[in-house]
């Protein structure tokens, strides 16, 4: 009995299509999950801080190349902290590292650190 030489290619083609659909679905799910994580992180002051500020002020507000912020609310008012975040401070704090609603969230959180 003679075998059809195209059958192995057809099987490989079907496997390839199934793999593409599976991996595409997995990728779409990962994108959706990352989008949800980003939205969640956008409202979390600690996540905003760690993403934008921790490289200078330390992961736990302990300070690094920038000053410690663990008691910043006892030193500055919320308005003063907001001004520093918005306009920077001579000597190393750049202006506008965190902007908009994220800045408001971080400022309020930092003002509570006393």
PDB file of N, CA and C in Angstrom:
ATOM      1  N   UNK A   1       0.839  -1.173   0.000  1.00  0.00           N
ATOM      2  CA  UNK A   1       0.000   0.000   0.000  1.00  0.00           C
ATOM      3  C   UNK A   1       0.893   1.250   0.000  1.00  0.00           C
ATOM      4  N   UNK A   2       0.549   2.186  -0.854  1.00  0.00           N
ATOM      5  CA  UNK A   2       1.343   3.393  -1.011  1.00  0.00           C
ATOM      6  C   UNK A   2       0.799   4.495  -0.083  1.00  0.00           C
ATOM      7  N   UNK A   3       1.693   5.121   0.666  1.00  0.00           N
ATOM      8  CA  UNK A   3       1.286   6.205   1.576  1.00  0.00           C
ATOM      9  C   UNK A   3       1.297   7.545   0.860  1.00  0.00           C
ATOM     10  N   UNK A   4       0.409   8.391   1.296  1.00  0.00           N
ATOM     11  CA  UNK A   4       0.357   9.741   0.736  1.00  0.00           C
ATOM     12  C   UNK A   4       1.486  10.567   1.372  1.00  0.00           C
ATOM     13  N   UNK A   5       2.413  11.119   0.600  1.00  0.00           N
ATOM     14  CA  UNK A   5       3.549  11.857   1.166  1.00  0.00           C
ATOM     15  C   UNK A   5       3.153  13.201   1.789  1.00  0.00           C
ATOM     16  N   UNK A   6       1.951  13.654   1.557  1.00  0.00           N
ATOM     17  CA  UNK A   6       1.533  14.942   2.114  1.00  0.00           C
ATOM     18  C   UNK A   6       0.992  14.848   3.531  1.00  0.00           C
ATOM     19  N   UNK A   7       0.658  13.661   4.000  1.00  0.00           N
ATOM     20  CA  UNK A   7       0.068  13.502   5.336  1.00  0.00           C
ATOM     21  C   UNK A   7       0.994  14.022   6.442  1.00  0.00           C
ATOM     22  N   UNK A   8       2.286  13.691   6.445  1.00  0.00           N
ATOM     23  CA  UNK A   8       3.136  14.236   7.519  1.00  0.00           C
ATOM     24  C   UNK A   8       3.179  15.769   7.504  1.00  0.00           C
ATOM     25  N   UNK A   9       3.182  16.362   6.340  1.00  0.00           N
ATOM     26  CA  UNK A   9       3.185  17.821   6.247  1.00  0.00           C
ATOM     27  C   UNK A   9       1.873  18.408   6.759  1.00  0.00           C
ATOM     28  N   UNK A  10       0.771  17.733   6.474  1.00  0.00           N
ATOM     29  CA  UNK A  10      -0.534  18.191   6.948  1.00  0.00           C
ATOM     30  C   UNK A  10      -0.598  18.107   8.468  1.00  0.00           C
ATOM     31  N   UNK A  11      -0.075  17.042   9.040  1.00  0.00           N
ATOM     32  CA  UNK A  11      -0.060  16.894  10.502  1.00  0.00           C
ATOM     33  C   UNK A  11       0.791  17.991  11.133  1.00  0.00           C
ATOM     34  N   UNK A  12       1.956  18.224  10.582  1.00  0.00           N
ATOM     35  CA  UNK A  12       2.831  19.281  11.098  1.00  0.00           C
ATOM     36  C   UNK A  12       2.152  20.640  10.969  1.00  0.00           C
ATOM     37  N   UNK A  13       1.454  20.860   9.850  1.00  0.00           N
ATOM     38  CA  UNK A  13       0.736  22.119   9.659  1.00  0.00           C
ATOM     39  C   UNK A  13      -0.350  22.317  10.701  1.00  0.00           C
ATOM     40  N   UNK A  14      -1.120  21.273  10.976  1.00  0.00           N
ATOM     41  CA  UNK A  14      -2.188  21.354  11.984  1.00  0.00           C
ATOM     42  C   UNK A  14      -1.589  21.618  13.366  1.00  0.00           C
ATOM     43  N   UNK A  15      -0.520  20.917  13.697  1.00  0.00           N
ATOM     44  CA  UNK A  15       0.146  21.148  14.987  1.00  0.00           C
ATOM     45  C   UNK A  15       0.646  22.586  15.077  1.00  0.00           C
ATOM     46  N   UNK A  16       1.200  23.092  14.005  1.00  0.00           N
ATOM     47  CA  UNK A  16       1.683  24.472  13.986  1.00  0.00           C
ATOM     48  C   UNK A  16       0.564  25.474  14.198  1.00  0.00           C
ATOM     49  N   UNK A  17      -0.563  25.272  13.545  1.00  0.00           N
ATOM     50  CA  UNK A  17      -1.703  26.175  13.705  1.00  0.00           C
ATOM     51  C   UNK A  17      -2.227  26.125  15.136  1.00  0.00           C
ATOM     52  N   UNK A  18      -2.337  24.932  15.700  1.00  0.00           N
ATOM     53  CA  UNK A  18      -2.801  24.797  17.089  1.00  0.00           C
ATOM     54  C   UNK A  18      -1.837  25.510  18.039  1.00  0.00           C
ATOM     55  N   UNK A  19      -0.547  25.333  17.828  1.00  0.00           N
ATOM     56  CA  UNK A  19       0.442  26.016  18.670  1.00  0.00           C
ATOM     57  C   UNK A  19       0.347  27.538  18.534  1.00  0.00           C
ATOM     58  N   UNK A  20       0.170  28.027  17.323  1.00  0.00           N
ATOM     59  CA  UNK A  20       0.053  29.480  17.122  1.00  0.00           C
ATOM     60  C   UNK A  20      -1.168  30.027  17.845  1.00  0.00           C
ATOM     61  N   UNK A  21      -2.297  29.354  17.734  1.00  0.00           N
ATOM     62  CA  UNK A  21      -3.511  29.812  18.408  1.00  0.00           C
ATOM     63  C   UNK A  21      -3.353  29.767  19.927  1.00  0.00           C
ATOM     64  N   UNK A  22      -2.725  28.708  20.428  1.00  0.00           N
ATOM     65  CA  UNK A  22      -2.506  28.572  21.866  1.00  0.00           C
ATOM     66  C   UNK A  22      -1.580  29.675  22.383  1.00  0.00           C
ATOM     67  N   UNK A  23      -0.477  29.872  21.702  1.00  0.00           N
ATOM     68  CA  UNK A  23       0.486  30.898  22.140  1.00  0.00           C
ATOM     69  C   UNK A  23      -0.095  32.304  21.984  1.00  0.00           C
ATOM     70  N   UNK A  24      -0.884  32.526  20.944  1.00  0.00           N
ATOM     71  CA  UNK A  24      -1.542  33.819  20.768  1.00  0.00           C
ATOM     72  C   UNK A  24      -2.514  34.097  21.895  1.00  0.00           C
ATOM     73  N   UNK A  25      -3.297  33.101  22.266  1.00  0.00           N
ATOM     74  CA  UNK A  25      -4.225  33.248  23.391  1.00  0.00           C
ATOM     75  C   UNK A  25      -3.486  33.513  24.690  1.00  0.00           C
ATOM     76  N   UNK A  26      -2.382  32.822  24.886  1.00  0.00           N
ATOM     77  CA  UNK A  26      -1.562  33.036  26.084  1.00  0.00           C
ATOM     78  C   UNK A  26      -1.015  34.459  26.113  1.00  0.00           C
ATOM     79  N   UNK A  27      -0.541  34.940  24.985  1.00  0.00           N
ATOM     80  CA  UNK A  27      -0.006  36.296  24.909  1.00  0.00           C
ATOM     81  C   UNK A  27      -1.057  37.352  25.157  1.00  0.00           C
ATOM     82  N   UNK A  28      -2.235  37.167  24.600  1.00  0.00           N
ATOM     83  CA  UNK A  28      -3.330  38.113  24.823  1.00  0.00           C
ATOM     84  C   UNK A  28      -3.698  38.142  26.300  1.00  0.00           C
ATOM     85  N   UNK A  29      -3.745  36.974  26.931  1.00  0.00           N
ATOM     86  CA  UNK A  29      -4.044  36.912  28.358  1.00  0.00           C
ATOM     87  C   UNK A  29      -2.986  37.651  29.172  1.00  0.00           C
ATOM     88  N   UNK A  30      -1.716  37.483  28.823  1.00  0.00           N
ATOM     89  CA  UNK A  30      -0.630  38.165  29.532  1.00  0.00           C
ATOM     90  C   UNK A  30      -0.720  39.680  29.366  1.00  0.00           C
ATOM     91  N   UNK A  31      -1.059  40.147  28.183  1.00  0.00           N
ATOM     92  CA  UNK A  31      -1.211  41.586  27.944  1.00  0.00           C
ATOM     93  C   UNK A  31      -2.350  42.124  28.792  1.00  0.00           C
ATOM     94  N   UNK A  32      -3.457  41.411  28.825  1.00  0.00           N
ATOM     95  CA  UNK A  32      -4.610  41.834  29.631  1.00  0.00           C
ATOM     96  C   UNK A  32      -4.237  41.873  31.109  1.00  0.00           C
ATOM     97  N   UNK A  33      -3.531  40.865  31.570  1.00  0.00           N
ATOM     98  CA  UNK A  33      -3.117  40.793  32.970  1.00  0.00           C
ATOM     99  C   UNK A  33      -2.151  41.927  33.304  1.00  0.00           C
ATOM    100  N   UNK A  34      -1.219  42.225  32.419  1.00  0.00           N
ATOM    101  CA  UNK A  34      -0.270  43.314  32.642  1.00  0.00           C
ATOM    102  C   UNK A  34      -0.994  44.656  32.692  1.00  0.00           C
ATOM    103  N   UNK A  35      -1.999  44.827  31.858  1.00  0.00           N
ATOM    104  CA  UNK A  35      -2.785  46.048  31.852  1.00  0.00           C
ATOM    105  C   UNK A  35      -3.514  46.227  33.181  1.00  0.00           C
ATOM    106  N   UNK A  36      -4.075  45.157  33.700  1.00  0.00           N
ATOM    107  CA  UNK A  36      -4.760  45.218  34.995  1.00  0.00           C
ATOM    108  C   UNK A  36      -3.770  45.519  36.111  1.00  0.00           C
ATOM    109  N   UNK A  37      -2.590  44.898  36.069  1.00  0.00           N
ATOM    110  CA  UNK A  37      -1.571  45.148  37.086  1.00  0.00           C
ATOM    111  C   UNK A  37      -1.120  46.600  37.049  1.00  0.00           C
ATOM    112  N   UNK A  38      -0.985  47.161  35.853  1.00  0.00           N
ATOM    113  CA  UNK A  38      -0.556  48.551  35.722  1.00  0.00           C
ATOM    114  C   UNK A  38      -1.608  49.500  36.294  1.00  0.00           C
ATOM    115  N   UNK A  39      -2.886  49.219  36.018  1.00  0.00           N
ATOM    116  CA  UNK A  39      -3.959  50.049  36.563  1.00  0.00           C
ATOM    117  C   UNK A  39      -3.979  49.968  38.079  1.00  0.00           C
ATOM    118  N   UNK A  40      -3.785  48.776  38.615  1.00  0.00           N
ATOM    119  CA  UNK A  40      -3.761  48.588  40.062  1.00  0.00           C
ATOM    120  C   UNK A  40      -2.575  49.325  40.674  1.00  0.00           C
ATOM    121  N   UNK A  41      -1.412  49.210  40.047  1.00  0.00           N
ATOM    122  CA  UNK A  41      -0.215  49.873  40.545  1.00  0.00           C
ATOM    123  C   UNK A  41      -0.333  51.387  40.470  1.00  0.00           C
ATOM    124  N   UNK A  42      -1.105  51.878  39.501  1.00  0.00           N
ATOM    125  CA  UNK A  42      -1.265  53.321  39.346  1.00  0.00           C
ATOM    126  C   UNK A  42      -1.961  53.952  40.547  1.00  0.00           C
ATOM    127  N   UNK A  43      -2.706  53.183  41.298  1.00  0.00           N
ATOM    128  CA  UNK A  43      -3.403  53.722  42.460  1.00  0.00           C
ATOM    129  C   UNK A  43      -2.696  53.374  43.769  1.00  0.00           C
ATOM    130  N   UNK A  44      -1.636  52.609  43.728  1.00  0.00           N
ATOM    131  CA  UNK A  44      -0.911  52.178  44.915  1.00  0.00           C
ATOM    132  C   UNK A  44       0.297  53.088  45.134  1.00  0.00           C
ATOM    133  N   UNK A  45       0.281  53.895  46.205  1.00  0.00           N
ATOM    134  CA  UNK A  45       1.385  54.842  46.408  1.00  0.00           C
ATOM    135  C   UNK A  45       2.743  54.161  46.557  1.00  0.00           C
ATOM    136  N   UNK A  46       2.774  53.012  47.199  1.00  0.00           N
ATOM    137  CA  UNK A  46       4.054  52.321  47.361  1.00  0.00           C
ATOM    138  C   UNK A  46       4.602  51.853  46.017  1.00  0.00           C
ATOM    139  N   UNK A  47       3.717  51.355  45.154  1.00  0.00           N
ATOM    140  CA  UNK A  47       4.155  50.907  43.830  1.00  0.00           C
ATOM    141  C   UNK A  47       4.644  52.084  42.990  1.00  0.00           C
ATOM    142  N   UNK A  48       3.946  53.207  43.068  1.00  0.00           N
ATOM    143  CA  UNK A  48       4.372  54.409  42.336  1.00  0.00           C
ATOM    144  C   UNK A  48       5.734  54.858  42.851  1.00  0.00           C
ATOM    145  N   UNK A  49       5.893  54.884  44.168  1.00  0.00           N
ATOM    146  CA  UNK A  49       7.165  55.278  44.780  1.00  0.00           C
ATOM    147  C   UNK A  49       8.289  54.352  44.328  1.00  0.00           C
ATOM    148  N   UNK A  50       8.063  53.049  44.410  1.00  0.00           N
ATOM    149  CA  UNK A  50       9.118  52.095  44.047  1.00  0.00           C
ATOM    150  C   UNK A  50       9.504  52.205  42.579  1.00  0.00           C
ATOM    151  N   UNK A  51       8.531  52.522  41.731  1.00  0.00           N
ATOM    152  CA  UNK A  51       8.814  52.636  40.302  1.00  0.00           C
ATOM    153  C   UNK A  51       9.566  53.921  39.972  1.00  0.00           C
ATOM    154  N   UNK A  52       9.282  55.009  40.687  1.00  0.00           N
ATOM    155  CA  UNK A  52       9.810  56.309  40.295  1.00  0.00           C
ATOM    156  C   UNK A  52      10.828  56.920  41.252  1.00  0.00           C
ATOM    157  N   UNK A  53      10.779  56.564  42.517  1.00  0.00           N
ATOM    158  CA  UNK A  53      11.545  57.296  43.528  1.00  0.00           C
ATOM    159  C   UNK A  53      12.563  56.452  44.290  1.00  0.00           C
ATOM    160  N   UNK A  54      12.317  55.147  44.365  1.00  0.00           N
ATOM    161  CA  UNK A  54      13.121  54.286  45.230  1.00  0.00           C
ATOM    162  C   UNK A  54      14.592  54.215  44.826  1.00  0.00           C
ATOM    163  N   UNK A  55      14.898  54.446  43.567  1.00  0.00           N
ATOM    164  CA  UNK A  55      16.300  54.365  43.152  1.00  0.00           C
ATOM    165  C   UNK A  55      17.150  55.418  43.857  1.00  0.00           C
ATOM    166  N   UNK A  56      16.557  56.537  44.237  1.00  0.00           N
ATOM    167  CA  UNK A  56      17.292  57.582  44.960  1.00  0.00           C
ATOM    168  C   UNK A  56      16.982  57.592  46.457  1.00  0.00           C
ATOM    169  N   UNK A  57      15.747  57.274  46.811  1.00  0.00           N
ATOM    170  CA  UNK A  57      15.316  57.396  48.212  1.00  0.00           C
ATOM    171  C   UNK A  57      15.232  56.063  48.940  1.00  0.00           C
ATOM    172  N   UNK A  58      15.602  54.969  48.294  1.00  0.00           N
ATOM    173  CA  UNK A  58      15.614  53.652  48.921  1.00  0.00           C
ATOM    174  C   UNK A  58      14.268  52.958  48.858  1.00  0.00           C
ATOM    175  N   UNK A  59      14.290  51.650  48.787  1.00  0.00           N
ATOM    176  CA  UNK A  59      13.069  50.850  48.699  1.00  0.00           C
ATOM    177  C   UNK A  59      12.157  51.030  49.912  1.00  0.00           C
ATOM    178  N   UNK A  60      12.746  51.310  51.068  1.00  0.00           N
ATOM    179  CA  UNK A  60      11.974  51.442  52.299  1.00  0.00           C
ATOM    180  C   UNK A  60      12.036  52.854  52.859  1.00  0.00           C
ATOM    181  N   UNK A  61      12.222  53.842  51.983  1.00  0.00           N
ATOM    182  CA  UNK A  61      12.293  55.262  52.357  1.00  0.00           C
ATOM    183  C   UNK A  61      13.510  55.585  53.212  1.00  0.00           C
ATOM    184  N   UNK A  62      14.488  54.688  53.246  1.00  0.00           N
ATOM    185  CA  UNK A  62      15.641  54.856  54.123  1.00  0.00           C
ATOM    186  C   UNK A  62      16.696  55.807  53.568  1.00  0.00           C
ATOM    187  N   UNK A  63      16.544  56.200  52.334  1.00  0.00           N
ATOM    188  CA  UNK A  63      17.524  57.080  51.702  1.00  0.00           C
ATOM    189  C   UNK A  63      18.591  56.282  50.992  1.00  0.00           C
ATOM    190  N   UNK A  64      19.143  56.873  49.978  1.00  0.00           N
ATOM    191  CA  UNK A  64      20.256  56.291  49.217  1.00  0.00           C
ATOM    192  C   UNK A  64      21.057  57.483  48.715  1.00  0.00           C
ATOM    193  N   UNK A  65      21.019  57.755  47.414  1.00  0.00           N
ATOM    194  CA  UNK A  65      21.683  58.966  46.933  1.00  0.00           C
ATOM    195  C   UNK A  65      20.835  60.197  47.266  1.00  0.00           C
ATOM    196  N   UNK A  66      19.536  60.000  47.492  1.00  0.00           N
ATOM    197  CA  UNK A  66      18.638  61.056  47.955  1.00  0.00           C
ATOM    198  C   UNK A  66      18.373  60.873  49.438  1.00  0.00           C
ATOM    199  N   UNK A  67      17.782  61.862  50.082  1.00  0.00           N
ATOM    200  CA  UNK A  67      17.555  61.768  51.528  1.00  0.00           C
ATOM    201  C   UNK A  67      16.491  60.729  51.893  1.00  0.00           C
ATOM    202  N   UNK A  68      16.531  60.303  53.154  1.00  0.00           N
ATOM    203  CA  UNK A  68      15.508  59.399  53.684  1.00  0.00           C
ATOM    204  C   UNK A  68      14.170  60.129  53.734  1.00  0.00           C
ATOM    205  N   UNK A  69      13.112  59.410  53.455  1.00  0.00           N
ATOM    206  CA  UNK A  69      11.774  60.006  53.455  1.00  0.00           C
ATOM    207  C   UNK A  69      10.858  59.350  54.486  1.00  0.00           C
ATOM    208  N   UNK A  70      11.427  58.524  55.363  1.00  0.00           N
ATOM    209  CA  UNK A  70      10.592  57.793  56.308  1.00  0.00           C
ATOM    210  C   UNK A  70       9.878  58.687  57.320  1.00  0.00           C
ATOM    211  N   UNK A  71      10.352  59.934  57.504  1.00  0.00           N
ATOM    212  CA  UNK A  71       9.701  60.878  58.424  1.00  0.00           C
ATOM    213  C   UNK A  71       9.484  62.235  57.760  1.00  0.00           C
ATOM    214  N   UNK A  72       9.351  62.227  56.448  1.00  0.00           N
ATOM    215  CA  UNK A  72       9.246  63.468  55.673  1.00  0.00           C
ATOM    216  C   UNK A  72       7.999  64.269  56.034  1.00  0.00           C
ATOM    217  N   UNK A  73       6.907  63.598  56.405  1.00  0.00           N
ATOM    218  CA  UNK A  73       5.677  64.288  56.781  1.00  0.00           C
ATOM    219  C   UNK A  73       5.812  65.088  58.058  1.00  0.00           C
ATOM    220  N   UNK A  74       6.781  64.765  58.898  1.00  0.00           N
ATOM    221  CA  UNK A  74       7.049  65.529  60.113  1.00  0.00           C
ATOM    222  C   UNK A  74       7.896  66.761  59.838  1.00  0.00           C
ATOM    223  N   UNK A  75       8.566  66.775  58.708  1.00  0.00           N
ATOM    224  CA  UNK A  75       9.443  67.891  58.353  1.00  0.00           C
ATOM    225  C   UNK A  75       8.754  68.890  57.428  1.00  0.00           C
ATOM    226  N   UNK A  76       7.942  68.380  56.489  1.00  0.00           N
ATOM    227  CA  UNK A  76       7.270  69.238  55.512  1.00  0.00           C
ATOM    228  C   UNK A  76       5.766  68.975  55.532  1.00  0.00           C
ATOM    229  N   UNK A  77       5.004  70.002  55.195  1.00  0.00           N
ATOM    230  CA  UNK A  77       3.555  69.839  55.048  1.00  0.00           C
ATOM    231  C   UNK A  77       3.259  69.141  53.725  1.00  0.00           C
ATOM    232  N   UNK A  78       2.026  68.721  53.538  1.00  0.00           N
ATOM    233  CA  UNK A  78       1.636  68.083  52.291  1.00  0.00           C
ATOM    234  C   UNK A  78       1.838  69.025  51.110  1.00  0.00           C
ATOM    235  N   UNK A  79       1.531  70.297  51.302  1.00  0.00           N
ATOM    236  CA  UNK A  79       1.704  71.284  50.232  1.00  0.00           C
ATOM    237  C   UNK A  79       3.182  71.465  49.882  1.00  0.00           C
ATOM    238  N   UNK A  80       4.042  71.471  50.896  1.00  0.00           N
ATOM    239  CA  UNK A  80       5.481  71.611  50.637  1.00  0.00           C
ATOM    240  C   UNK A  80       6.040  70.390  49.905  1.00  0.00           C
ATOM    241  N   UNK A  81       5.577  69.217  50.303  1.00  0.00           N
ATOM    242  CA  UNK A  81       6.012  67.994  49.621  1.00  0.00           C
ATOM    243  C   UNK A  81       5.540  68.025  48.166  1.00  0.00           C
ATOM    244  N   UNK A  82       4.301  68.453  47.948  1.00  0.00           N
ATOM    245  CA  UNK A  82       3.765  68.556  46.584  1.00  0.00           C
ATOM    246  C   UNK A  82       4.600  69.524  45.750  1.00  0.00           C
ATOM    247  N   UNK A  83       5.020  70.629  46.343  1.00  0.00           N
ATOM    248  CA  UNK A  83       5.842  71.599  45.631  1.00  0.00           C
ATOM    249  C   UNK A  83       7.196  70.992  45.256  1.00  0.00           C
ATOM    250  N   UNK A  84       7.787  70.245  46.173  1.00  0.00           N
ATOM    251  CA  UNK A  84       9.081  69.612  45.896  1.00  0.00           C
ATOM    252  C   UNK A  84       8.945  68.576  44.780  1.00  0.00           C
ATOM    253  N   UNK A  85       7.887  67.773  44.837  1.00  0.00           N
ATOM    254  CA  UNK A  85       7.680  66.759  43.809  1.00  0.00           C
ATOM    255  C   UNK A  85       7.455  67.420  42.451  1.00  0.00           C
ATOM    256  N   UNK A  86       6.676  68.498  42.437  1.00  0.00           N
ATOM    257  CA  UNK A  86       6.351  69.171  41.175  1.00  0.00           C
ATOM    258  C   UNK A  86       7.534  69.949  40.618  1.00  0.00           C
ATOM    259  N   UNK A  87       8.205  70.733  41.467  1.00  0.00           N
ATOM    260  CA  UNK A  87       9.232  71.668  40.997  1.00  0.00           C
ATOM    261  C   UNK A  87      10.665  71.226  41.264  1.00  0.00           C
ATOM    262  N   UNK A  88      10.848  70.151  41.998  1.00  0.00           N
ATOM    263  CA  UNK A  88      12.194  69.711  42.336  1.00  0.00           C
ATOM    264  C   UNK A  88      12.774  70.533  43.455  1.00  0.00           C
ATOM    265  N   UNK A  89      14.025  70.265  43.762  1.00  0.00           N
ATOM    266  CA  UNK A  89      14.716  70.980  44.832  1.00  0.00           C
ATOM    267  C   UNK A  89      16.188  71.075  44.450  1.00  0.00           C
ATOM    268  N   UNK A  90      16.772  72.241  44.619  1.00  0.00           N
ATOM    269  CA  UNK A  90      18.194  72.380  44.280  1.00  0.00           C
ATOM    270  C   UNK A  90      19.041  71.353  45.035  1.00  0.00           C
ATOM    271  N   UNK A  91      20.006  70.825  44.355  1.00  0.00           N
ATOM    272  CA  UNK A  91      20.901  69.867  44.978  1.00  0.00           C
ATOM    273  C   UNK A  91      20.623  68.428  44.573  1.00  0.00           C
ATOM    274  N   UNK A  92      19.693  68.208  43.651  1.00  0.00           N
ATOM    275  CA  UNK A  92      19.546  66.850  43.159  1.00  0.00           C
ATOM    276  C   UNK A  92      18.145  66.371  42.876  1.00  0.00           C
ATOM    277  N   UNK A  93      17.119  66.916  43.515  1.00  0.00           N
ATOM    278  CA  UNK A  93      15.761  66.438  43.258  1.00  0.00           C
ATOM    279  C   UNK A  93      15.248  67.058  41.966  1.00  0.00           C
ATOM    280  N   UNK A  94      15.087  66.247  40.905  1.00  0.00           N
ATOM    281  CA  UNK A  94      14.591  66.800  39.642  1.00  0.00           C
ATOM    282  C   UNK A  94      13.091  67.077  39.704  1.00  0.00           C
ATOM    283  N   UNK A  95      12.646  67.997  38.912  1.00  0.00           N
ATOM    284  CA  UNK A  95      11.225  68.352  38.854  1.00  0.00           C
ATOM    285  C   UNK A  95      10.454  67.315  38.046  1.00  0.00           C
ATOM    286  N   UNK A  96       9.216  67.080  38.456  1.00  0.00           N
ATOM    287  CA  UNK A  96       8.288  66.288  37.659  1.00  0.00           C
ATOM    288  C   UNK A  96       8.607  64.825  37.490  1.00  0.00           C
ATOM    289  N   UNK A  97       9.279  64.213  38.457  1.00  0.00           N
ATOM    290  CA  UNK A  97       9.557  62.784  38.351  1.00  0.00           C
ATOM    291  C   UNK A  97       8.241  62.002  38.365  1.00  0.00           C
ATOM    292  N   UNK A  98       7.318  62.443  39.208  1.00  0.00           N
ATOM    293  CA  UNK A  98       5.975  61.863  39.268  1.00  0.00           C
ATOM    294  C   UNK A  98       5.011  62.994  38.950  1.00  0.00           C
ATOM    295  N   UNK A  99       4.032  62.722  38.090  1.00  0.00           N
ATOM    296  CA  UNK A  99       3.136  63.786  37.638  1.00  0.00           C
ATOM    297  C   UNK A  99       1.676  63.408  37.819  1.00  0.00           C
ATOM    298  N   UNK A 100       0.825  64.418  37.777  1.00  0.00           N
ATOM    299  CA  UNK A 100      -0.616  64.223  37.745  1.00  0.00           C
ATOM    300  C   UNK A 100      -1.176  63.537  38.975  1.00  0.00           C
ATOM    301  N   UNK A 101      -2.102  62.635  38.725  1.00  0.00           N
ATOM    302  CA  UNK A 101      -2.797  61.936  39.811  1.00  0.00           C
ATOM    303  C   UNK A 101      -1.825  61.083  40.622  1.00  0.00           C
ATOM    304  N   UNK A 102      -0.845  60.486  39.958  1.00  0.00           N
ATOM    305  CA  UNK A 102       0.153  59.686  40.684  1.00  0.00           C
ATOM    306  C   UNK A 102       0.914  60.545  41.673  1.00  0.00           C
ATOM    307  N   UNK A 103       1.253  61.770  41.295  1.00  0.00           N
ATOM    308  CA  UNK A 103       1.962  62.671  42.200  1.00  0.00           C
ATOM    309  C   UNK A 103       1.108  62.965  43.427  1.00  0.00           C
ATOM    310  N   UNK A 104      -0.169  63.223  43.223  1.00  0.00           N
ATOM    311  CA  UNK A 104      -1.066  63.505  44.351  1.00  0.00           C
ATOM    312  C   UNK A 104      -1.126  62.327  45.312  1.00  0.00           C
ATOM    313  N   UNK A 105      -1.201  61.123  44.757  1.00  0.00           N
ATOM    314  CA  UNK A 105      -1.277  59.916  45.578  1.00  0.00           C
ATOM    315  C   UNK A 105      -0.009  59.746  46.401  1.00  0.00           C
ATOM    316  N   UNK A 106       1.157  59.923  45.772  1.00  0.00           N
ATOM    317  CA  UNK A 106       2.429  59.766  46.476  1.00  0.00           C
ATOM    318  C   UNK A 106       2.623  60.865  47.510  1.00  0.00           C
ATOM    319  N   UNK A 107       2.262  62.084  47.168  1.00  0.00           N
ATOM    320  CA  UNK A 107       2.423  63.212  48.100  1.00  0.00           C
ATOM    321  C   UNK A 107       1.595  62.971  49.354  1.00  0.00           C
ATOM    322  N   UNK A 108       0.365  62.579  49.187  1.00  0.00           N
ATOM    323  CA  UNK A 108      -0.501  62.311  50.348  1.00  0.00           C
ATOM    324  C   UNK A 108       0.093  61.205  51.209  1.00  0.00           C
ATOM    325  N   UNK A 109       0.589  60.153  50.582  1.00  0.00           N
ATOM    326  CA  UNK A 109       1.198  59.028  51.291  1.00  0.00           C
ATOM    327  C   UNK A 109       2.451  59.466  52.045  1.00  0.00           C
ATOM    328  N   UNK A 110       3.307  60.258  51.380  1.00  0.00           N
ATOM    329  CA  UNK A 110       4.521  60.729  52.034  1.00  0.00           C
ATOM    330  C   UNK A 110       4.217  61.671  53.196  1.00  0.00           C
ATOM    331  N   UNK A 111       3.190  62.492  53.055  1.00  0.00           N
ATOM    332  CA  UNK A 111       2.827  63.436  54.111  1.00  0.00           C
ATOM    333  C   UNK A 111       2.401  62.706  55.379  1.00  0.00           C
ATOM    334  N   UNK A 112       1.977  61.468  55.269  1.00  0.00           N
ATOM    335  CA  UNK A 112       1.581  60.672  56.432  1.00  0.00           C
ATOM    336  C   UNK A 112       2.769  60.068  57.160  1.00  0.00           C
ATOM    337  N   UNK A 113       3.944  60.120  56.559  1.00  0.00           N
ATOM    338  CA  UNK A 113       5.157  59.549  57.154  1.00  0.00           C
ATOM    339  C   UNK A 113       5.740  60.526  58.163  1.00  0.00           C
ATOM    340  N   UNK A 114       5.519  60.245  59.442  1.00  0.00           N
ATOM    341  CA  UNK A 114       5.980  61.184  60.486  1.00  0.00           C
ATOM    342  C   UNK A 114       6.828  60.488  61.518  1.00  0.00           C
TER     343      UNK A 114
END
